[in-house]
Amino acid sequence: MGIGVIIIGDEILSGLRTDKHLPKVIELLSARGLSLDWAEYVGDDPARITATLARTFASGDIVFSTGGIGATPDDHTRQCATKALGVPLELHPEAAGIPKRRN
């Protein structure tokens, strides 16, 4: 079993933001005597995110994912993960009582 990370976001691929996730994941794993076996960068394309998640979920590896879970229209990770796993996206009962933030 390997350990991998998927880093999602057009802003990383375009250079608008510098990825700080990969070095942090490596640091956190290293502190626990573990090492990262692979990393993948994926843009905000839902079909590509879903395919990447489905493939890595099926690998048997431990898979971390960063990015793509904010409240902006281009963040699709939650929906893609449920599609890749074949399960519905559900609101956690405790979250139902939390007021939604308005932009």
PDB file of N, CA and C in Angstrom:
ATOM      1  N   MET A   1       0.846  -1.174   0.000  1.00  0.00           N
ATOM      2  CA  MET A   1       0.000   0.000   0.000  1.00  0.00           C
ATOM      3  C   MET A   1       0.894   1.240   0.000  1.00  0.00           C
ATOM      4  N   GLY A   2       0.615   2.139  -0.911  1.00  0.00           N
ATOM      5  CA  GLY A   2       1.366   3.385  -0.996  1.00  0.00           C
ATOM      6  C   GLY A   2       0.588   4.543  -0.382  1.00  0.00           C
ATOM      7  N   ILE A   3       1.230   5.665  -0.320  1.00  0.00           N
ATOM      8  CA  ILE A   3       0.597   6.892   0.167  1.00  0.00           C
ATOM      9  C   ILE A   3       0.733   7.936  -0.929  1.00  0.00           C
ATOM     10  N   GLY A   4      -0.390   8.532  -1.303  1.00  0.00           N
ATOM     11  CA  GLY A   4      -0.378   9.530  -2.359  1.00  0.00           C
ATOM     12  C   GLY A   4      -1.197  10.747  -2.006  1.00  0.00           C
ATOM     13  N   VAL A   5      -0.997  11.789  -2.796  1.00  0.00           N
ATOM     14  CA  VAL A   5      -1.762  13.019  -2.616  1.00  0.00           C
ATOM     15  C   VAL A   5      -2.203  13.533  -3.979  1.00  0.00           C
ATOM     16  N   ILE A   6      -3.440  13.986  -4.025  1.00  0.00           N
ATOM     17  CA  ILE A   6      -3.989  14.641  -5.208  1.00  0.00           C
ATOM     18  C   ILE A   6      -4.172  16.108  -4.840  1.00  0.00           C
ATOM     19  N   ILE A   7      -3.569  16.979  -5.619  1.00  0.00           N
ATOM     20  CA  ILE A   7      -3.662  18.417  -5.370  1.00  0.00           C
ATOM     21  C   ILE A   7      -4.500  18.998  -6.501  1.00  0.00           C
ATOM     22  N   ILE A   8      -5.649  19.574  -6.122  1.00  0.00           N
ATOM     23  CA  ILE A   8      -6.639  20.001  -7.104  1.00  0.00           C
ATOM     24  C   ILE A   8      -6.715  21.522  -7.179  1.00  0.00           C
ATOM     25  N   GLY A   9      -6.749  22.045  -8.403  1.00  0.00           N
ATOM     26  CA  GLY A   9      -7.002  23.469  -8.576  1.00  0.00           C
ATOM     27  C   GLY A   9      -6.331  24.068  -9.793  1.00  0.00           C
ATOM     28  N   ASP A  10      -7.126  24.748 -10.612  1.00  0.00           N
ATOM     29  CA  ASP A  10      -6.587  25.467 -11.762  1.00  0.00           C
ATOM     30  C   ASP A  10      -5.588  26.538 -11.337  1.00  0.00           C
ATOM     31  N   GLU A  11      -5.824  27.130 -10.161  1.00  0.00           N
ATOM     32  CA  GLU A  11      -4.953  28.214  -9.701  1.00  0.00           C
ATOM     33  C   GLU A  11      -3.532  27.726  -9.428  1.00  0.00           C
ATOM     34  N   ILE A  12      -3.381  26.453  -9.099  1.00  0.00           N
ATOM     35  CA  ILE A  12      -2.055  25.864  -8.908  1.00  0.00           C
ATOM     36  C   ILE A  12      -1.409  25.613 -10.275  1.00  0.00           C
ATOM     37  N   LEU A  13      -2.180  25.029 -11.195  1.00  0.00           N
ATOM     38  CA  LEU A  13      -1.645  24.696 -12.515  1.00  0.00           C
ATOM     39  C   LEU A  13      -1.315  25.928 -13.348  1.00  0.00           C
ATOM     40  N   SER A  14      -2.042  27.017 -13.125  1.00  0.00           N
ATOM     41  CA  SER A  14      -1.798  28.238 -13.899  1.00  0.00           C
ATOM     42  C   SER A  14      -0.685  29.093 -13.306  1.00  0.00           C
ATOM     43  N   GLY A  15      -0.284  28.776 -12.076  1.00  0.00           N
ATOM     44  CA  GLY A  15       0.755  29.561 -11.424  1.00  0.00           C
ATOM     45  C   GLY A  15       0.238  30.744 -10.635  1.00  0.00           C
ATOM     46  N   LEU A  16      -1.092  30.901 -10.564  1.00  0.00           N
ATOM     47  CA  LEU A  16      -1.663  31.998  -9.775  1.00  0.00           C
ATOM     48  C   LEU A  16      -1.417  31.810  -8.287  1.00  0.00           C
ATOM     49  N   ARG A  17      -1.313  30.564  -7.862  1.00  0.00           N
ATOM     50  CA  ARG A  17      -0.993  30.244  -6.470  1.00  0.00           C
ATOM     51  C   ARG A  17       0.134  29.229  -6.452  1.00  0.00           C
ATOM     52  N   THR A  18       0.970  29.349  -5.457  1.00  0.00           N
ATOM     53  CA  THR A  18       2.062  28.405  -5.274  1.00  0.00           C
ATOM     54  C   THR A  18       1.570  27.267  -4.388  1.00  0.00           C
ATOM     55  N   ASP A  19       1.822  26.045  -4.822  1.00  0.00           N
ATOM     56  CA  ASP A  19       1.407  24.886  -4.035  1.00  0.00           C
ATOM     57  C   ASP A  19       2.247  24.771  -2.770  1.00  0.00           C
ATOM     58  N   LYS A  20       1.567  24.806  -1.643  1.00  0.00           N
ATOM     59  CA  LYS A  20       2.232  24.599  -0.360  1.00  0.00           C
ATOM     60  C   LYS A  20       1.796  23.277   0.266  1.00  0.00           C
ATOM     61  N   HIS A  21       0.850  22.602  -0.406  1.00  0.00           N
ATOM     62  CA  HIS A  21       0.326  21.353   0.127  1.00  0.00           C
ATOM     63  C   HIS A  21       1.345  20.220   0.047  1.00  0.00           C
ATOM     64  N   LEU A  22       1.996  20.060  -1.106  1.00  0.00           N
ATOM     65  CA  LEU A  22       2.926  18.950  -1.280  1.00  0.00           C
ATOM     66  C   LEU A  22       4.044  18.961  -0.240  1.00  0.00           C
ATOM     67  N   PRO A  23       4.741  20.077  -0.046  1.00  0.00           N
ATOM     68  CA  PRO A  23       5.792  20.060   0.978  1.00  0.00           C
ATOM     69  C   PRO A  23       5.256  19.800   2.387  1.00  0.00           C
ATOM     70  N   LYS A  24       4.052  20.282   2.677  1.00  0.00           N
ATOM     71  CA  LYS A  24       3.469  20.070   4.006  1.00  0.00           C
ATOM     72  C   LYS A  24       3.108  18.604   4.221  1.00  0.00           C
ATOM     73  N   VAL A  25       2.529  17.972   3.212  1.00  0.00           N
ATOM     74  CA  VAL A  25       2.198  16.547   3.322  1.00  0.00           C
ATOM     75  C   VAL A  25       3.473  15.733   3.537  1.00  0.00           C
ATOM     76  N   ILE A  26       4.515  16.043   2.778  1.00  0.00           N
ATOM     77  CA  ILE A  26       5.796  15.342   2.937  1.00  0.00           C
ATOM     78  C   ILE A  26       6.327  15.542   4.357  1.00  0.00           C
ATOM     79  N   GLU A  27       6.262  16.766   4.854  1.00  0.00           N
ATOM     80  CA  GLU A  27       6.727  17.069   6.218  1.00  0.00           C
ATOM     81  C   GLU A  27       5.944  16.290   7.266  1.00  0.00           C
ATOM     82  N   LEU A  28       4.610  16.285   7.148  1.00  0.00           N
ATOM     83  CA  LEU A  28       3.771  15.594   8.129  1.00  0.00           C
ATOM     84  C   LEU A  28       3.998  14.083   8.106  1.00  0.00           C
ATOM     85  N   LEU A  29       4.136  13.526   6.915  1.00  0.00           N
ATOM     86  CA  LEU A  29       4.395  12.091   6.821  1.00  0.00           C
ATOM     87  C   LEU A  29       5.769  11.748   7.385  1.00  0.00           C
ATOM     88  N   SER A  30       6.756  12.547   7.035  1.00  0.00           N
ATOM     89  CA  SER A  30       8.126  12.313   7.502  1.00  0.00           C
ATOM     90  C   SER A  30       8.210  12.332   9.020  1.00  0.00           C
ATOM     91  N   ALA A  31       7.471  13.237   9.651  1.00  0.00           N
ATOM     92  CA  ALA A  31       7.464  13.327  11.110  1.00  0.00           C
ATOM     93  C   ALA A  31       6.916  12.049  11.750  1.00  0.00           C
ATOM     94  N   ARG A  32       6.210  11.254  10.958  1.00  0.00           N
ATOM     95  CA  ARG A  32       5.632  10.011  11.449  1.00  0.00           C
ATOM     96  C   ARG A  32       6.374   8.785  10.910  1.00  0.00           C
ATOM     97  N   GLY A  33       7.525   9.024  10.303  1.00  0.00           N
ATOM     98  CA  GLY A  33       8.319   7.931   9.768  1.00  0.00           C
ATOM     99  C   GLY A  33       7.766   7.354   8.475  1.00  0.00           C
ATOM    100  N   LEU A  34       6.941   8.109   7.783  1.00  0.00           N
ATOM    101  CA  LEU A  34       6.319   7.658   6.539  1.00  0.00           C
ATOM    102  C   LEU A  34       6.829   8.501   5.379  1.00  0.00           C
ATOM    103  N   SER A  35       6.604   8.011   4.169  1.00  0.00           N
ATOM    104  CA  SER A  35       7.000   8.798   3.006  1.00  0.00           C
ATOM    105  C   SER A  35       5.914   8.756   1.942  1.00  0.00           C
ATOM    106  N   LEU A  36       5.913   9.778   1.133  1.00  0.00           N
ATOM    107  CA  LEU A  36       4.952   9.915   0.046  1.00  0.00           C
ATOM    108  C   LEU A  36       5.444   9.106  -1.148  1.00  0.00           C
ATOM    109  N   ASP A  37       4.562   8.295  -1.748  1.00  0.00           N
ATOM    110  CA  ASP A  37       4.921   7.470  -2.892  1.00  0.00           C
ATOM    111  C   ASP A  37       4.588   8.126  -4.224  1.00  0.00           C
ATOM    112  N   TRP A  38       3.563   8.970  -4.234  1.00  0.00           N
ATOM    113  CA  TRP A  38       3.179   9.619  -5.478  1.00  0.00           C
ATOM    114  C   TRP A  38       2.360  10.882  -5.203  1.00  0.00           C
ATOM    115  N   ALA A  39       2.326  11.759  -6.190  1.00  0.00           N
ATOM    116  CA  ALA A  39       1.522  12.984  -6.128  1.00  0.00           C
ATOM    117  C   ALA A  39       0.991  13.282  -7.525  1.00  0.00           C
ATOM    118  N   GLU A  40      -0.219  13.797  -7.582  1.00  0.00           N
ATOM    119  CA  GLU A  40      -0.816  14.189  -8.860  1.00  0.00           C
ATOM    120  C   GLU A  40      -1.447  15.563  -8.714  1.00  0.00           C
ATOM    121  N   TYR A  41      -1.286  16.376  -9.742  1.00  0.00           N
ATOM    122  CA  TYR A  41      -1.944  17.671  -9.816  1.00  0.00           C
ATOM    123  C   TYR A  41      -3.070  17.556 -10.827  1.00  0.00           C
ATOM    124  N   VAL A  42      -4.238  18.074 -10.477  1.00  0.00           N
ATOM    125  CA  VAL A  42      -5.416  18.008 -11.342  1.00  0.00           C
ATOM    126  C   VAL A  42      -6.090  19.370 -11.320  1.00  0.00           C
ATOM    127  N   GLY A  43      -6.504  19.843 -12.484  1.00  0.00           N
ATOM    128  CA  GLY A  43      -7.248  21.100 -12.564  1.00  0.00           C
ATOM    129  C   GLY A  43      -8.674  20.917 -12.086  1.00  0.00           C
ATOM    130  N   ASP A  44      -9.475  21.939 -12.265  1.00  0.00           N
ATOM    131  CA  ASP A  44     -10.848  21.939 -11.752  1.00  0.00           C
ATOM    132  C   ASP A  44     -11.869  21.333 -12.712  1.00  0.00           C
ATOM    133  N   ASP A  45     -11.444  20.464 -13.603  1.00  0.00           N
ATOM    134  CA  ASP A  45     -12.355  19.795 -14.527  1.00  0.00           C
ATOM    135  C   ASP A  45     -13.024  18.614 -13.819  1.00  0.00           C
ATOM    136  N   PRO A  46     -14.359  18.655 -13.644  1.00  0.00           N
ATOM    137  CA  PRO A  46     -15.043  17.591 -12.891  1.00  0.00           C
ATOM    138  C   PRO A  46     -14.802  16.180 -13.422  1.00  0.00           C
ATOM    139  N   ALA A  47     -14.813  15.999 -14.734  1.00  0.00           N
ATOM    140  CA  ALA A  47     -14.604  14.651 -15.289  1.00  0.00           C
ATOM    141  C   ALA A  47     -13.204  14.140 -14.948  1.00  0.00           C
ATOM    142  N   ARG A  48     -12.213  15.002 -15.020  1.00  0.00           N
ATOM    143  CA  ARG A  48     -10.837  14.592 -14.717  1.00  0.00           C
ATOM    144  C   ARG A  48     -10.670  14.312 -13.223  1.00  0.00           C
ATOM    145  N   ILE A  49     -11.293  15.143 -12.386  1.00  0.00           N
ATOM    146  CA  ILE A  49     -11.221  14.921 -10.936  1.00  0.00           C
ATOM    147  C   ILE A  49     -11.872  13.582 -10.592  1.00  0.00           C
ATOM    148  N   THR A  50     -13.061  13.341 -11.127  1.00  0.00           N
ATOM    149  CA  THR A  50     -13.785  12.093 -10.853  1.00  0.00           C
ATOM    150  C   THR A  50     -12.966  10.885 -11.294  1.00  0.00           C
ATOM    151  N   ALA A  51     -12.396  10.936 -12.492  1.00  0.00           N
ATOM    152  CA  ALA A  51     -11.599   9.807 -13.004  1.00  0.00           C
ATOM    153  C   ALA A  51     -10.355   9.582 -12.142  1.00  0.00           C
ATOM    154  N   THR A  52      -9.701  10.654 -11.739  1.00  0.00           N
ATOM    155  CA  THR A  52      -8.501  10.535 -10.901  1.00  0.00           C
ATOM    156  C   THR A  52      -8.846   9.939  -9.548  1.00  0.00           C
ATOM    157  N   LEU A  53      -9.923  10.429  -8.947  1.00  0.00           N
ATOM    158  CA  LEU A  53     -10.351   9.902  -7.650  1.00  0.00           C
ATOM    159  C   LEU A  53     -10.749   8.430  -7.764  1.00  0.00           C
ATOM    160  N   ALA A  54     -11.530   8.081  -8.778  1.00  0.00           N
ATOM    161  CA  ALA A  54     -11.970   6.684  -8.946  1.00  0.00           C
ATOM    162  C   ALA A  54     -10.763   5.759  -9.094  1.00  0.00           C
ATOM    163  N   ARG A  55      -9.796   6.159  -9.906  1.00  0.00           N
ATOM    164  CA  ARG A  55      -8.606   5.333 -10.126  1.00  0.00           C
ATOM    165  C   ARG A  55      -7.794   5.178  -8.847  1.00  0.00           C
ATOM    166  N   THR A  56      -7.614   6.263  -8.125  1.00  0.00           N
ATOM    167  CA  THR A  56      -6.788   6.175  -6.919  1.00  0.00           C
ATOM    168  C   THR A  56      -7.523   5.494  -5.771  1.00  0.00           C
ATOM    169  N   PHE A  57      -8.846   5.669  -5.676  1.00  0.00           N
ATOM    170  CA  PHE A  57      -9.604   4.941  -4.658  1.00  0.00           C
ATOM    171  C   PHE A  57      -9.483   3.435  -4.890  1.00  0.00           C
ATOM    172  N   ALA A  58      -9.481   3.017  -6.148  1.00  0.00           N
ATOM    173  CA  ALA A  58      -9.408   1.596  -6.484  1.00  0.00           C
ATOM    174  C   ALA A  58      -8.002   1.015  -6.295  1.00  0.00           C
ATOM    175  N   SER A  59      -7.013   1.874  -6.096  1.00  0.00           N
ATOM    176  CA  SER A  59      -5.623   1.422  -6.011  1.00  0.00           C
ATOM    177  C   SER A  59      -5.286   0.711  -4.706  1.00  0.00           C
ATOM    178  N   GLY A  60      -6.066   0.956  -3.668  1.00  0.00           N
ATOM    179  CA  GLY A  60      -5.735   0.406  -2.362  1.00  0.00           C
ATOM    180  C   GLY A  60      -4.761   1.267  -1.587  1.00  0.00           C
ATOM    181  N   ASP A  61      -4.290   2.346  -2.198  1.00  0.00           N
ATOM    182  CA  ASP A  61      -3.384   3.265  -1.520  1.00  0.00           C
ATOM    183  C   ASP A  61      -4.140   4.169  -0.559  1.00  0.00           C
ATOM    184  N   ILE A  62      -3.397   4.750   0.360  1.00  0.00           N
ATOM    185  CA  ILE A  62      -3.926   5.830   1.192  1.00  0.00           C
ATOM    186  C   ILE A  62      -3.847   7.086   0.334  1.00  0.00           C
ATOM    187  N   VAL A  63      -4.966   7.768   0.157  1.00  0.00           N
ATOM    188  CA  VAL A  63      -5.014   8.909  -0.746  1.00  0.00           C
ATOM    189  C   VAL A  63      -5.484  10.150   0.007  1.00  0.00           C
ATOM    190  N   PHE A  64      -4.651  11.169  -0.002  1.00  0.00           N
ATOM    191  CA  PHE A  64      -5.036  12.474   0.526  1.00  0.00           C
ATOM    192  C   PHE A  64      -5.385  13.366  -0.650  1.00  0.00           C
ATOM    193  N   SER A  65      -6.304  14.296  -0.428  1.00  0.00           N
ATOM    194  CA  SER A  65      -6.677  15.243  -1.470  1.00  0.00           C
ATOM    195  C   SER A  65      -6.707  16.632  -0.865  1.00  0.00           C
ATOM    196  N   THR A  66      -6.148  17.590  -1.593  1.00  0.00           N
ATOM    197  CA  THR A  66      -6.164  18.973  -1.131  1.00  0.00           C
ATOM    198  C   THR A  66      -6.728  19.851  -2.233  1.00  0.00           C
ATOM    199  N   GLY A  67      -7.318  20.963  -1.831  1.00  0.00           N
ATOM    200  CA  GLY A  67      -7.853  21.914  -2.795  1.00  0.00           C
ATOM    201  C   GLY A  67      -9.200  21.479  -3.338  1.00  0.00           C
ATOM    202  N   GLY A  68      -9.871  22.421  -3.981  1.00  0.00           N
ATOM    203  CA  GLY A  68     -11.124  22.117  -4.654  1.00  0.00           C
ATOM    204  C   GLY A  68     -12.312  21.853  -3.759  1.00  0.00           C
ATOM    205  N   ILE A  69     -12.256  22.259  -2.479  1.00  0.00           N
ATOM    206  CA  ILE A  69     -13.393  22.007  -1.598  1.00  0.00           C
ATOM    207  C   ILE A  69     -13.910  23.286  -0.944  1.00  0.00           C
ATOM    208  N   GLY A  70     -13.639  24.409  -1.562  1.00  0.00           N
ATOM    209  CA  GLY A  70     -14.103  25.686  -1.019  1.00  0.00           C
ATOM    210  C   GLY A  70     -15.542  25.966  -1.393  1.00  0.00           C
ATOM    211  N   ALA A  71     -15.901  27.205  -1.316  1.00  0.00           N
ATOM    212  CA  ALA A  71     -17.283  27.607  -1.608  1.00  0.00           C
ATOM    213  C   ALA A  71     -17.382  28.357  -2.928  1.00  0.00           C
ATOM    214  N   THR A  72     -16.389  28.202  -3.797  1.00  0.00           N
ATOM    215  CA  THR A  72     -16.428  28.886  -5.082  1.00  0.00           C
ATOM    216  C   THR A  72     -17.012  27.965  -6.148  1.00  0.00           C
ATOM    217  N   PRO A  73     -17.550  28.530  -7.222  1.00  0.00           N
ATOM    218  CA  PRO A  73     -18.228  27.721  -8.245  1.00  0.00           C
ATOM    219  C   PRO A  73     -17.338  26.680  -8.927  1.00  0.00           C
ATOM    220  N   ASP A  74     -16.018  26.858  -8.899  1.00  0.00           N
ATOM    221  CA  ASP A  74     -15.141  25.902  -9.570  1.00  0.00           C
ATOM    222  C   ASP A  74     -14.672  24.771  -8.657  1.00  0.00           C
ATOM    223  N   ASP A  75     -15.191  24.703  -7.440  1.00  0.00           N
ATOM    224  CA  ASP A  75     -14.813  23.651  -6.507  1.00  0.00           C
ATOM    225  C   ASP A  75     -15.806  22.492  -6.605  1.00  0.00           C
ATOM    226  N   HIS A  76     -15.321  21.383  -7.149  1.00  0.00           N
ATOM    227  CA  HIS A  76     -16.189  20.233  -7.453  1.00  0.00           C
ATOM    228  C   HIS A  76     -15.804  18.962  -6.715  1.00  0.00           C
ATOM    229  N   THR A  77     -14.823  19.013  -5.837  1.00  0.00           N
ATOM    230  CA  THR A  77     -14.259  17.791  -5.272  1.00  0.00           C
ATOM    231  C   THR A  77     -15.286  16.947  -4.536  1.00  0.00           C
ATOM    232  N   ARG A  78     -16.131  17.552  -3.732  1.00  0.00           N
ATOM    233  CA  ARG A  78     -17.132  16.763  -2.988  1.00  0.00           C
ATOM    234  C   ARG A  78     -18.016  15.964  -3.941  1.00  0.00           C
ATOM    235  N   GLN A  79     -18.538  16.657  -4.945  1.00  0.00           N
ATOM    236  CA  GLN A  79     -19.422  16.002  -5.905  1.00  0.00           C
ATOM    237  C   GLN A  79     -18.690  14.924  -6.688  1.00  0.00           C
ATOM    238  N   CYS A  80     -17.449  15.200  -7.065  1.00  0.00           N
ATOM    239  CA  CYS A  80     -16.658  14.226  -7.827  1.00  0.00           C
ATOM    240  C   CYS A  80     -16.320  13.000  -6.987  1.00  0.00           C
ATOM    241  N   ALA A  81     -16.022  13.203  -5.716  1.00  0.00           N
ATOM    242  CA  ALA A  81     -15.698  12.073  -4.834  1.00  0.00           C
ATOM    243  C   ALA A  81     -16.904  11.158  -4.671  1.00  0.00           C
ATOM    244  N   THR A  82     -18.086  11.736  -4.485  1.00  0.00           N
ATOM    245  CA  THR A  82     -19.272  10.888  -4.331  1.00  0.00           C
ATOM    246  C   THR A  82     -19.579  10.138  -5.624  1.00  0.00           C
ATOM    247  N   LYS A  83     -19.378  10.808  -6.749  1.00  0.00           N
ATOM    248  CA  LYS A  83     -19.599  10.153  -8.037  1.00  0.00           C
ATOM    249  C   LYS A  83     -18.597   9.018  -8.235  1.00  0.00           C
ATOM    250  N   ALA A  84     -17.330   9.256  -7.896  1.00  0.00           N
ATOM    251  CA  ALA A  84     -16.288   8.235  -8.038  1.00  0.00           C
ATOM    252  C   ALA A  84     -16.562   7.022  -7.156  1.00  0.00           C
ATOM    253  N   LEU A  85     -17.180   7.262  -5.999  1.00  0.00           N
ATOM    254  CA  LEU A  85     -17.483   6.178  -5.063  1.00  0.00           C
ATOM    255  C   LEU A  85     -18.874   5.580  -5.258  1.00  0.00           C
ATOM    256  N   GLY A  86     -19.706   6.235  -6.075  1.00  0.00           N
ATOM    257  CA  GLY A  86     -21.054   5.734  -6.317  1.00  0.00           C
ATOM    258  C   GLY A  86     -21.985   5.891  -5.130  1.00  0.00           C
ATOM    259  N   VAL A  87     -21.765   6.947  -4.351  1.00  0.00           N
ATOM    260  CA  VAL A  87     -22.626   7.224  -3.189  1.00  0.00           C
ATOM    261  C   VAL A  87     -23.187   8.638  -3.311  1.00  0.00           C
ATOM    262  N   PRO A  88     -24.323   8.908  -2.654  1.00  0.00           N
ATOM    263  CA  PRO A  88     -24.893  10.257  -2.735  1.00  0.00           C
ATOM    264  C   PRO A  88     -24.150  11.240  -1.828  1.00  0.00           C
ATOM    265  N   LEU A  89     -24.178  12.497  -2.219  1.00  0.00           N
ATOM    266  CA  LEU A  89     -23.646  13.567  -1.384  1.00  0.00           C
ATOM    267  C   LEU A  89     -24.733  13.951  -0.397  1.00  0.00           C
ATOM    268  N   GLU A  90     -24.421  13.880   0.885  1.00  0.00           N
ATOM    269  CA  GLU A  90     -25.410  14.167   1.923  1.00  0.00           C
ATOM    270  C   GLU A  90     -24.874  15.210   2.884  1.00  0.00           C
ATOM    271  N   LEU A  91     -25.751  16.079   3.335  1.00  0.00           N
ATOM    272  CA  LEU A  91     -25.406  17.078   4.334  1.00  0.00           C
ATOM    273  C   LEU A  91     -25.391  16.412   5.710  1.00  0.00           C
ATOM    274  N   HIS A  92     -24.289  16.585   6.431  1.00  0.00           N
ATOM    275  CA  HIS A  92     -24.188  16.018   7.776  1.00  0.00           C
ATOM    276  C   HIS A  92     -25.255  16.669   8.658  1.00  0.00           C
ATOM    277  N   PRO A  93     -25.944  15.890   9.507  1.00  0.00           N
ATOM    278  CA  PRO A  93     -27.017  16.440  10.342  1.00  0.00           C
ATOM    279  C   PRO A  93     -26.584  17.647  11.187  1.00  0.00           C
ATOM    280  N   GLU A  94     -25.367  17.639  11.710  1.00  0.00           N
ATOM    281  CA  GLU A  94     -24.896  18.774  12.507  1.00  0.00           C
ATOM    282  C   GLU A  94     -24.690  20.014  11.649  1.00  0.00           C
ATOM    283  N   ALA A  95     -24.326  19.818  10.395  1.00  0.00           N
ATOM    284  CA  ALA A  95     -24.096  20.952   9.500  1.00  0.00           C
ATOM    285  C   ALA A  95     -25.404  21.634   9.112  1.00  0.00           C
ATOM    286  N   ALA A  96     -26.505  20.899   9.165  1.00  0.00           N
ATOM    287  CA  ALA A  96     -27.790  21.467   8.783  1.00  0.00           C
ATOM    288  C   ALA A  96     -28.174  22.654   9.663  1.00  0.00           C
ATOM    289  N   GLY A  97     -27.709  22.668  10.896  1.00  0.00           N
ATOM    290  CA  GLY A  97     -28.051  23.745  11.815  1.00  0.00           C
ATOM    291  C   GLY A  97     -27.087  24.918  11.805  1.00  0.00           C
ATOM    292  N   ILE A  98     -26.042  24.832  11.002  1.00  0.00           N
ATOM    293  CA  ILE A  98     -25.049  25.925  10.947  1.00  0.00           C
ATOM    294  C   ILE A  98     -25.492  26.930   9.900  1.00  0.00           C
ATOM    295  N   PRO A  99     -25.588  28.205  10.266  1.00  0.00           N
ATOM    296  CA  PRO A  99     -25.994  29.218   9.287  1.00  0.00           C
ATOM    297  C   PRO A  99     -25.006  29.286   8.122  1.00  0.00           C
ATOM    298  N   LYS A 100     -25.540  29.457   6.935  1.00  0.00           N
ATOM    299  CA  LYS A 100     -24.704  29.576   5.750  1.00  0.00           C
ATOM    300  C   LYS A 100     -24.120  30.963   5.659  1.00  0.00           C
ATOM    301  N   ARG A 101     -22.844  31.028   5.273  1.00  0.00           N
ATOM    302  CA  ARG A 101     -22.167  32.305   5.117  1.00  0.00           C
ATOM    303  C   ARG A 101     -22.548  32.932   3.789  1.00  0.00           C
ATOM    304  N   ARG A 102     -22.815  34.207   3.812  1.00  0.00           N
ATOM    305  CA  ARG A 102     -23.142  34.919   2.573  1.00  0.00           C
ATOM    306  C   ARG A 102     -21.928  35.712   2.135  1.00  0.00           C
ATOM    307  N   ASN A 103     -21.673  35.674   0.832  1.00  0.00           N
ATOM    308  CA  ASN A 103     -20.530  36.417   0.285  1.00  0.00           C
ATOM    309  C   ASN A 103     -20.918  37.833  -0.039  1.00  0.00           C
TER     310      ASN A 103
END
